[in-house]
Amino acid sequence: MSTSEILDSVLNPFTECLTAEAARKIVDFRADRETQNRVDELAAKSSSGQLSVEERSEYQEYIHTFDLVAIVKSKARSVLARLGT
């Protein structure tokens, strides 16, 4: 089973029970300022090749987490479209 198929099998039942209000809150979700600042700092260091091994690992974890959040947001947008809101 591919990663996409696994995510769909786990997330589809979750998104099917979302209300329009909950889906909207998910779509509107943003990382807090402190987290976003840290990610921006790591991104800048990554772009200039200055990440330590520990920072690279931390940055990759943020990227994986934000990827998952983006997928959940996409599912929430689909719910809103299906509900016509």
PDB file of N, CA and C in Angstrom:
ATOM      1  N   MET A   1       0.857  -1.174   0.000  1.00  0.00           N
ATOM      2  CA  MET A   1       0.000   0.000   0.000  1.00  0.00           C
ATOM      3  C   MET A   1       0.904   1.238   0.000  1.00  0.00           C
ATOM      4  N   SER A   2       0.588   2.210  -0.841  1.00  0.00           N
ATOM      5  CA  SER A   2       1.383   3.434  -0.917  1.00  0.00           C
ATOM      6  C   SER A   2       1.073   4.353   0.264  1.00  0.00           C
ATOM      7  N   THR A   3       1.948   5.315   0.487  1.00  0.00           N
ATOM      8  CA  THR A   3       1.729   6.291   1.555  1.00  0.00           C
ATOM      9  C   THR A   3       0.409   7.028   1.342  1.00  0.00           C
ATOM     10  N   SER A   4       0.145   7.388   0.107  1.00  0.00           N
ATOM     11  CA  SER A   4      -1.100   8.087  -0.215  1.00  0.00           C
ATOM     12  C   SER A   4      -2.323   7.238   0.126  1.00  0.00           C
ATOM     13  N   GLU A   5      -2.261   5.970  -0.211  1.00  0.00           N
ATOM     14  CA  GLU A   5      -3.387   5.067   0.082  1.00  0.00           C
ATOM     15  C   GLU A   5      -3.565   4.885   1.589  1.00  0.00           C
ATOM     16  N   ILE A   6      -2.455   4.804   2.302  1.00  0.00           N
ATOM     17  CA  ILE A   6      -2.531   4.661   3.761  1.00  0.00           C
ATOM     18  C   ILE A   6      -3.147   5.912   4.374  1.00  0.00           C
ATOM     19  N   LEU A   7      -2.674   7.074   3.945  1.00  0.00           N
ATOM     20  CA  LEU A   7      -3.234   8.319   4.463  1.00  0.00           C
ATOM     21  C   LEU A   7      -4.724   8.431   4.168  1.00  0.00           C
ATOM     22  N   ASP A   8      -5.121   8.077   2.951  1.00  0.00           N
ATOM     23  CA  ASP A   8      -6.550   8.120   2.614  1.00  0.00           C
ATOM     24  C   ASP A   8      -7.352   7.181   3.504  1.00  0.00           C
ATOM     25  N   SER A   9      -6.843   5.985   3.734  1.00  0.00           N
ATOM     26  CA  SER A   9      -7.595   5.014   4.538  1.00  0.00           C
ATOM     27  C   SER A   9      -7.723   5.463   5.990  1.00  0.00           C
ATOM     28  N   VAL A  10      -6.754   6.221   6.470  1.00  0.00           N
ATOM     29  CA  VAL A  10      -6.803   6.720   7.846  1.00  0.00           C
ATOM     30  C   VAL A  10      -7.589   8.024   7.939  1.00  0.00           C
ATOM     31  N   LEU A  11      -7.383   8.916   6.980  1.00  0.00           N
ATOM     32  CA  LEU A  11      -7.973  10.249   7.083  1.00  0.00           C
ATOM     33  C   LEU A  11      -9.393  10.366   6.538  1.00  0.00           C
ATOM     34  N   ASN A  12      -9.768   9.556   5.571  1.00  0.00           N
ATOM     35  CA  ASN A  12     -11.116   9.681   5.016  1.00  0.00           C
ATOM     36  C   ASN A  12     -12.207   9.498   6.065  1.00  0.00           C
ATOM     37  N   PRO A  13     -12.132   8.477   6.931  1.00  0.00           N
ATOM     38  CA  PRO A  13     -13.175   8.373   7.966  1.00  0.00           C
ATOM     39  C   PRO A  13     -13.190   9.581   8.908  1.00  0.00           C
ATOM     40  N   PHE A  14     -12.021  10.123   9.165  1.00  0.00           N
ATOM     41  CA  PHE A  14     -11.913  11.318  10.007  1.00  0.00           C
ATOM     42  C   PHE A  14     -12.620  12.501   9.359  1.00  0.00           C
ATOM     43  N   THR A  15     -12.344  12.733   8.086  1.00  0.00           N
ATOM     44  CA  THR A  15     -12.922  13.904   7.428  1.00  0.00           C
ATOM     45  C   THR A  15     -14.417  13.744   7.173  1.00  0.00           C
ATOM     46  N   GLU A  16     -14.889  12.519   7.051  1.00  0.00           N
ATOM     47  CA  GLU A  16     -16.323  12.301   6.826  1.00  0.00           C
ATOM     48  C   GLU A  16     -17.174  12.760   7.997  1.00  0.00           C
ATOM     49  N   CYS A  17     -16.571  12.862   9.176  1.00  0.00           N
ATOM     50  CA  CYS A  17     -17.368  13.280  10.343  1.00  0.00           C
ATOM     51  C   CYS A  17     -17.167  14.755  10.684  1.00  0.00           C
ATOM     52  N   LEU A  18     -16.458  15.492   9.833  1.00  0.00           N
ATOM     53  CA  LEU A  18     -16.253  16.914  10.092  1.00  0.00           C
ATOM     54  C   LEU A  18     -17.499  17.730   9.765  1.00  0.00           C
ATOM     55  N   THR A  19     -17.791  18.663  10.632  1.00  0.00           N
ATOM     56  CA  THR A  19     -18.828  19.647  10.330  1.00  0.00           C
ATOM     57  C   THR A  19     -18.184  20.752   9.493  1.00  0.00           C
ATOM     58  N   ALA A  20     -19.004  21.594   8.911  1.00  0.00           N
ATOM     59  CA  ALA A  20     -18.476  22.721   8.149  1.00  0.00           C
ATOM     60  C   ALA A  20     -17.636  23.625   9.049  1.00  0.00           C
ATOM     61  N   GLU A  21     -18.075  23.843  10.260  1.00  0.00           N
ATOM     62  CA  GLU A  21     -17.335  24.691  11.195  1.00  0.00           C
ATOM     63  C   GLU A  21     -15.963  24.098  11.519  1.00  0.00           C
ATOM     64  N   ALA A  22     -15.929  22.805  11.791  1.00  0.00           N
ATOM     65  CA  ALA A  22     -14.647  22.154  12.096  1.00  0.00           C
ATOM     66  C   ALA A  22     -13.731  22.164  10.882  1.00  0.00           C
ATOM     67  N   ALA A  23     -14.276  21.902   9.713  1.00  0.00           N
ATOM     68  CA  ALA A  23     -13.476  21.910   8.489  1.00  0.00           C
ATOM     69  C   ALA A  23     -12.903  23.299   8.241  1.00  0.00           C
ATOM     70  N   ARG A  24     -13.696  24.336   8.462  1.00  0.00           N
ATOM     71  CA  ARG A  24     -13.227  25.710   8.277  1.00  0.00           C
ATOM     72  C   ARG A  24     -12.080  26.019   9.237  1.00  0.00           C
ATOM     73  N   LYS A  25     -12.194  25.576  10.492  1.00  0.00           N
ATOM     74  CA  LYS A  25     -11.124  25.810  11.473  1.00  0.00           C
ATOM     75  C   LYS A  25      -9.832  25.110  11.049  1.00  0.00           C
ATOM     76  N   ILE A  26      -9.959  23.928  10.493  1.00  0.00           N
ATOM     77  CA  ILE A  26      -8.774  23.204  10.014  1.00  0.00           C
ATOM     78  C   ILE A  26      -8.148  23.949   8.848  1.00  0.00           C
ATOM     79  N   VAL A  27      -8.963  24.382   7.896  1.00  0.00           N
ATOM     80  CA  VAL A  27      -8.458  25.116   6.733  1.00  0.00           C
ATOM     81  C   VAL A  27      -7.758  26.404   7.171  1.00  0.00           C
ATOM     82  N   ASP A  28      -8.279  27.059   8.181  1.00  0.00           N
ATOM     83  CA  ASP A  28      -7.725  28.332   8.650  1.00  0.00           C
ATOM     84  C   ASP A  28      -6.543  28.179   9.602  1.00  0.00           C
ATOM     85  N   PHE A  29      -6.234  26.966  10.006  1.00  0.00           N
ATOM     86  CA  PHE A  29      -5.150  26.726  10.965  1.00  0.00           C
ATOM     87  C   PHE A  29      -3.811  27.246  10.447  1.00  0.00           C
ATOM     88  N   ARG A  30      -3.067  27.890  11.312  1.00  0.00           N
ATOM     89  CA  ARG A  30      -1.705  28.347  11.025  1.00  0.00           C
ATOM     90  C   ARG A  30      -0.832  28.009  12.228  1.00  0.00           C
ATOM     91  N   ALA A  31       0.420  27.736  11.968  1.00  0.00           N
ATOM     92  CA  ALA A  31       1.362  27.506  13.063  1.00  0.00           C
ATOM     93  C   ALA A  31       1.483  28.784  13.881  1.00  0.00           C
ATOM     94  N   ASP A  32       1.751  28.633  15.171  1.00  0.00           N
ATOM     95  CA  ASP A  32       1.930  29.824  15.992  1.00  0.00           C
ATOM     96  C   ASP A  32       3.212  30.551  15.582  1.00  0.00           C
ATOM     97  N   ARG A  33       3.314  31.783  15.980  1.00  0.00           N
ATOM     98  CA  ARG A  33       4.426  32.645  15.556  1.00  0.00           C
ATOM     99  C   ARG A  33       5.785  32.041  15.918  1.00  0.00           C
ATOM    100  N   GLU A  34       5.907  31.517  17.120  1.00  0.00           N
ATOM    101  CA  GLU A  34       7.182  30.943  17.562  1.00  0.00           C
ATOM    102  C   GLU A  34       7.594  29.767  16.674  1.00  0.00           C
ATOM    103  N   THR A  35       6.651  28.903  16.377  1.00  0.00           N
ATOM    104  CA  THR A  35       6.948  27.757  15.524  1.00  0.00           C
ATOM    105  C   THR A  35       7.323  28.216  14.125  1.00  0.00           C
ATOM    106  N   GLN A  36       6.543  29.146  13.575  1.00  0.00           N
ATOM    107  CA  GLN A  36       6.836  29.615  12.224  1.00  0.00           C
ATOM    108  C   GLN A  36       8.198  30.303  12.154  1.00  0.00           C
ATOM    109  N   ASN A  37       8.528  31.070  13.194  1.00  0.00           N
ATOM    110  CA  ASN A  37       9.840  31.709  13.228  1.00  0.00           C
ATOM    111  C   ASN A  37      10.964  30.684  13.244  1.00  0.00           C
ATOM    112  N   ARG A  38      10.778  29.612  14.003  1.00  0.00           N
ATOM    113  CA  ARG A  38      11.800  28.564  14.061  1.00  0.00           C
ATOM    114  C   ARG A  38      11.950  27.881  12.705  1.00  0.00           C
ATOM    115  N   VAL A  39      10.846  27.582  12.069  1.00  0.00           N
ATOM    116  CA  VAL A  39      10.897  26.949  10.746  1.00  0.00           C
ATOM    117  C   VAL A  39      11.572  27.884   9.743  1.00  0.00           C
ATOM    118  N   ASP A  40      11.240  29.149   9.792  1.00  0.00           N
ATOM    119  CA  ASP A  40      11.865  30.117   8.888  1.00  0.00           C
ATOM    120  C   ASP A  40      13.379  30.186   9.120  1.00  0.00           C
ATOM    121  N   GLU A  41      13.779  30.154  10.385  1.00  0.00           N
ATOM    122  CA  GLU A  41      15.203  30.171  10.720  1.00  0.00           C
ATOM    123  C   GLU A  41      15.910  28.932  10.166  1.00  0.00           C
ATOM    124  N   LEU A  42      15.297  27.779  10.367  1.00  0.00           N
ATOM    125  CA  LEU A  42      15.890  26.535   9.867  1.00  0.00           C
ATOM    126  C   LEU A  42      15.927  26.518   8.341  1.00  0.00           C
ATOM    127  N   ALA A  43      14.880  27.040   7.713  1.00  0.00           N
ATOM    128  CA  ALA A  43      14.834  27.092   6.245  1.00  0.00           C
ATOM    129  C   ALA A  43      15.959  27.962   5.707  1.00  0.00           C
ATOM    130  N   ALA A  44      16.174  29.096   6.338  1.00  0.00           N
ATOM    131  CA  ALA A  44      17.247  29.990   5.894  1.00  0.00           C
ATOM    132  C   ALA A  44      18.604  29.318   6.052  1.00  0.00           C
ATOM    133  N   LYS A  45      18.802  28.657   7.181  1.00  0.00           N
ATOM    134  CA  LYS A  45      20.071  27.961   7.400  1.00  0.00           C
ATOM    135  C   LYS A  45      20.239  26.811   6.415  1.00  0.00           C
ATOM    136  N   SER A  46      19.141  26.143   6.098  1.00  0.00           N
ATOM    137  CA  SER A  46      19.191  25.044   5.133  1.00  0.00           C
ATOM    138  C   SER A  46      19.577  25.557   3.754  1.00  0.00           C
ATOM    139  N   SER A  47      18.980  26.670   3.369  1.00  0.00           N
ATOM    140  CA  SER A  47      19.264  27.256   2.054  1.00  0.00           C
ATOM    141  C   SER A  47      20.718  27.675   1.903  1.00  0.00           C
ATOM    142  N   SER A  48      21.324  28.050   3.012  1.00  0.00           N
ATOM    143  CA  SER A  48      22.721  28.481   2.959  1.00  0.00           C
ATOM    144  C   SER A  48      23.691  27.367   3.360  1.00  0.00           C
ATOM    145  N   GLY A  49      23.151  26.139   3.561  1.00  0.00           N
ATOM    146  CA  GLY A  49      24.004  24.997   3.883  1.00  0.00           C
ATOM    147  C   GLY A  49      24.619  25.053   5.266  1.00  0.00           C
ATOM    148  N   GLN A  50      23.937  25.694   6.215  1.00  0.00           N
ATOM    149  CA  GLN A  50      24.506  25.885   7.551  1.00  0.00           C
ATOM    150  C   GLN A  50      23.787  25.111   8.652  1.00  0.00           C
ATOM    151  N   LEU A  51      22.963  24.138   8.302  1.00  0.00           N
ATOM    152  CA  LEU A  51      22.271  23.352   9.324  1.00  0.00           C
ATOM    153  C   LEU A  51      23.217  22.338   9.959  1.00  0.00           C
ATOM    154  N   SER A  52      23.142  22.231  11.278  1.00  0.00           N
ATOM    155  CA  SER A  52      23.849  21.148  11.962  1.00  0.00           C
ATOM    156  C   SER A  52      23.061  19.863  11.731  1.00  0.00           C
ATOM    157  N   VAL A  53      23.622  18.740  12.078  1.00  0.00           N
ATOM    158  CA  VAL A  53      22.925  17.456  11.933  1.00  0.00           C
ATOM    159  C   VAL A  53      21.633  17.473  12.744  1.00  0.00           C
ATOM    160  N   GLU A  54      21.718  18.009  13.964  1.00  0.00           N
ATOM    161  CA  GLU A  54      20.532  18.084  14.830  1.00  0.00           C
ATOM    162  C   GLU A  54      19.468  18.997  14.227  1.00  0.00           C
ATOM    163  N   GLU A  55      19.888  20.138  13.709  1.00  0.00           N
ATOM    164  CA  GLU A  55      18.940  21.069  13.093  1.00  0.00           C
ATOM    165  C   GLU A  55      18.324  20.481  11.834  1.00  0.00           C
ATOM    166  N   ARG A  56      19.089  19.756  11.061  1.00  0.00           N
ATOM    167  CA  ARG A  56      18.559  19.111   9.852  1.00  0.00           C
ATOM    168  C   ARG A  56      17.447  18.130  10.219  1.00  0.00           C
ATOM    169  N   SER A  57      17.682  17.353  11.269  1.00  0.00           N
ATOM    170  CA  SER A  57      16.673  16.402  11.738  1.00  0.00           C
ATOM    171  C   SER A  57      15.414  17.137  12.206  1.00  0.00           C
ATOM    172  N   GLU A  58      15.613  18.204  12.962  1.00  0.00           N
ATOM    173  CA  GLU A  58      14.478  19.009  13.436  1.00  0.00           C
ATOM    174  C   GLU A  58      13.703  19.592  12.264  1.00  0.00           C
ATOM    175  N   TYR A  59      14.418  20.146  11.289  1.00  0.00           N
ATOM    176  CA  TYR A  59      13.796  20.743  10.112  1.00  0.00           C
ATOM    177  C   TYR A  59      12.999  19.705   9.329  1.00  0.00           C
ATOM    178  N   GLN A  60      13.555  18.522   9.169  1.00  0.00           N
ATOM    179  CA  GLN A  60      12.851  17.457   8.452  1.00  0.00           C
ATOM    180  C   GLN A  60      11.574  17.056   9.186  1.00  0.00           C
ATOM    181  N   GLU A  61      11.609  17.048  10.511  1.00  0.00           N
ATOM    182  CA  GLU A  61      10.406  16.734  11.285  1.00  0.00           C
ATOM    183  C   GLU A  61       9.335  17.798  11.066  1.00  0.00           C
ATOM    184  N   TYR A  62       9.748  19.059  11.056  1.00  0.00           N
ATOM    185  CA  TYR A  62       8.789  20.131  10.763  1.00  0.00           C
ATOM    186  C   TYR A  62       8.197  19.947   9.366  1.00  0.00           C
ATOM    187  N   ILE A  63       9.034  19.654   8.402  1.00  0.00           N
ATOM    188  CA  ILE A  63       8.556  19.476   7.025  1.00  0.00           C
ATOM    189  C   ILE A  63       7.554  18.331   6.952  1.00  0.00           C
ATOM    190  N   HIS A  64       7.872  17.212   7.586  1.00  0.00           N
ATOM    191  CA  HIS A  64       6.941  16.071   7.572  1.00  0.00           C
ATOM    192  C   HIS A  64       5.617  16.434   8.255  1.00  0.00           C
ATOM    193  N   THR A  65       5.719  17.152   9.356  1.00  0.00           N
ATOM    194  CA  THR A  65       4.506  17.546  10.084  1.00  0.00           C
ATOM    195  C   THR A  65       3.666  18.511   9.257  1.00  0.00           C
ATOM    196  N   PHE A  66       4.308  19.508   8.655  1.00  0.00           N
ATOM    197  CA  PHE A  66       3.574  20.465   7.834  1.00  0.00           C
ATOM    198  C   PHE A  66       2.983  19.802   6.595  1.00  0.00           C
ATOM    199  N   ASP A  67       3.658  18.792   6.066  1.00  0.00           N
ATOM    200  CA  ASP A  67       3.091  18.036   4.941  1.00  0.00           C
ATOM    201  C   ASP A  67       1.794  17.350   5.360  1.00  0.00           C
ATOM    202  N   LEU A  68       1.803  16.748   6.541  1.00  0.00           N
ATOM    203  CA  LEU A  68       0.597  16.092   7.037  1.00  0.00           C
ATOM    204  C   LEU A  68      -0.521  17.105   7.269  1.00  0.00           C
ATOM    205  N   VAL A  69      -0.183  18.242   7.843  1.00  0.00           N
ATOM    206  CA  VAL A  69      -1.178  19.295   8.056  1.00  0.00           C
ATOM    207  C   VAL A  69      -1.759  19.749   6.720  1.00  0.00           C
ATOM    208  N   ALA A  70      -0.925  19.878   5.707  1.00  0.00           N
ATOM    209  CA  ALA A  70      -1.403  20.287   4.375  1.00  0.00           C
ATOM    210  C   ALA A  70      -2.379  19.261   3.812  1.00  0.00           C
ATOM    211  N   ILE A  71      -2.106  17.996   4.041  1.00  0.00           N
ATOM    212  CA  ILE A  71      -3.012  16.946   3.562  1.00  0.00           C
ATOM    213  C   ILE A  71      -4.348  17.027   4.295  1.00  0.00           C
ATOM    214  N   VAL A  72      -4.304  17.213   5.605  1.00  0.00           N
ATOM    215  CA  VAL A  72      -5.545  17.326   6.388  1.00  0.00           C
ATOM    216  C   VAL A  72      -6.324  18.567   5.952  1.00  0.00           C
ATOM    217  N   LYS A  73      -5.627  19.670   5.690  1.00  0.00           N
ATOM    218  CA  LYS A  73      -6.303  20.871   5.207  1.00  0.00           C
ATOM    219  C   LYS A  73      -6.967  20.622   3.854  1.00  0.00           C
ATOM    220  N   SER A  74      -6.292  19.888   2.983  1.00  0.00           N
ATOM    221  CA  SER A  74      -6.869  19.561   1.684  1.00  0.00           C
ATOM    222  C   SER A  74      -8.142  18.738   1.847  1.00  0.00           C
ATOM    223  N   LYS A  75      -8.100  17.788   2.761  1.00  0.00           N
ATOM    224  CA  LYS A  75      -9.293  16.975   3.031  1.00  0.00           C
ATOM    225  C   LYS A  75     -10.417  17.866   3.573  1.00  0.00           C
ATOM    226  N   ALA A  76     -10.070  18.811   4.433  1.00  0.00           N
ATOM    227  CA  ALA A  76     -11.084  19.712   4.994  1.00  0.00           C
ATOM    228  C   ALA A  76     -11.677  20.602   3.909  1.00  0.00           C
ATOM    229  N   ARG A  77     -10.853  21.065   2.979  1.00  0.00           N
ATOM    230  CA  ARG A  77     -11.385  21.860   1.857  1.00  0.00           C
ATOM    231  C   ARG A  77     -12.351  21.022   1.025  1.00  0.00           C
ATOM    232  N   SER A  78     -12.054  19.754   0.860  1.00  0.00           N
ATOM    233  CA  SER A  78     -12.950  18.859   0.119  1.00  0.00           C
ATOM    234  C   SER A  78     -14.296  18.731   0.834  1.00  0.00           C
ATOM    235  N   VAL A  79     -14.236  18.664   2.150  1.00  0.00           N
ATOM    236  CA  VAL A  79     -15.484  18.605   2.929  1.00  0.00           C
ATOM    237  C   VAL A  79     -16.303  19.872   2.703  1.00  0.00           C
ATOM    238  N   LEU A  80     -15.645  21.017   2.761  1.00  0.00           N
ATOM    239  CA  LEU A  80     -16.352  22.286   2.552  1.00  0.00           C
ATOM    240  C   LEU A  80     -16.952  22.344   1.149  1.00  0.00           C
ATOM    241  N   ALA A  81     -16.217  21.880   0.164  1.00  0.00           N
ATOM    242  CA  ALA A  81     -16.739  21.876  -1.203  1.00  0.00           C
ATOM    243  C   ALA A  81     -17.945  20.951  -1.317  1.00  0.00           C
ATOM    244  N   ARG A  82     -17.842  19.791  -0.699  1.00  0.00           N
ATOM    245  CA  ARG A  82     -18.943  18.833  -0.740  1.00  0.00           C
ATOM    246  C   ARG A  82     -20.195  19.385  -0.048  1.00  0.00           C
ATOM    247  N   LEU A  83     -19.974  20.148   1.031  1.00  0.00           N
ATOM    248  CA  LEU A  83     -21.091  20.736   1.774  1.00  0.00           C
ATOM    249  C   LEU A  83     -21.583  22.035   1.129  1.00  0.00           C
ATOM    250  N   GLY A  84     -20.863  22.510   0.137  1.00  0.00           N
ATOM    251  CA  GLY A  84     -21.256  23.714  -0.556  1.00  0.00           C
ATOM    252  C   GLY A  84     -21.049  24.983   0.243  1.00  0.00           C
ATOM    253  N   THR A  85     -20.039  24.974   1.098  1.00  0.00           N
ATOM    254  CA  THR A  85     -19.781  26.186   1.901  1.00  0.00           C
ATOM    255  C   THR A  85     -18.459  26.804   1.533  1.00  0.00           C
TER     256      THR A  85
END
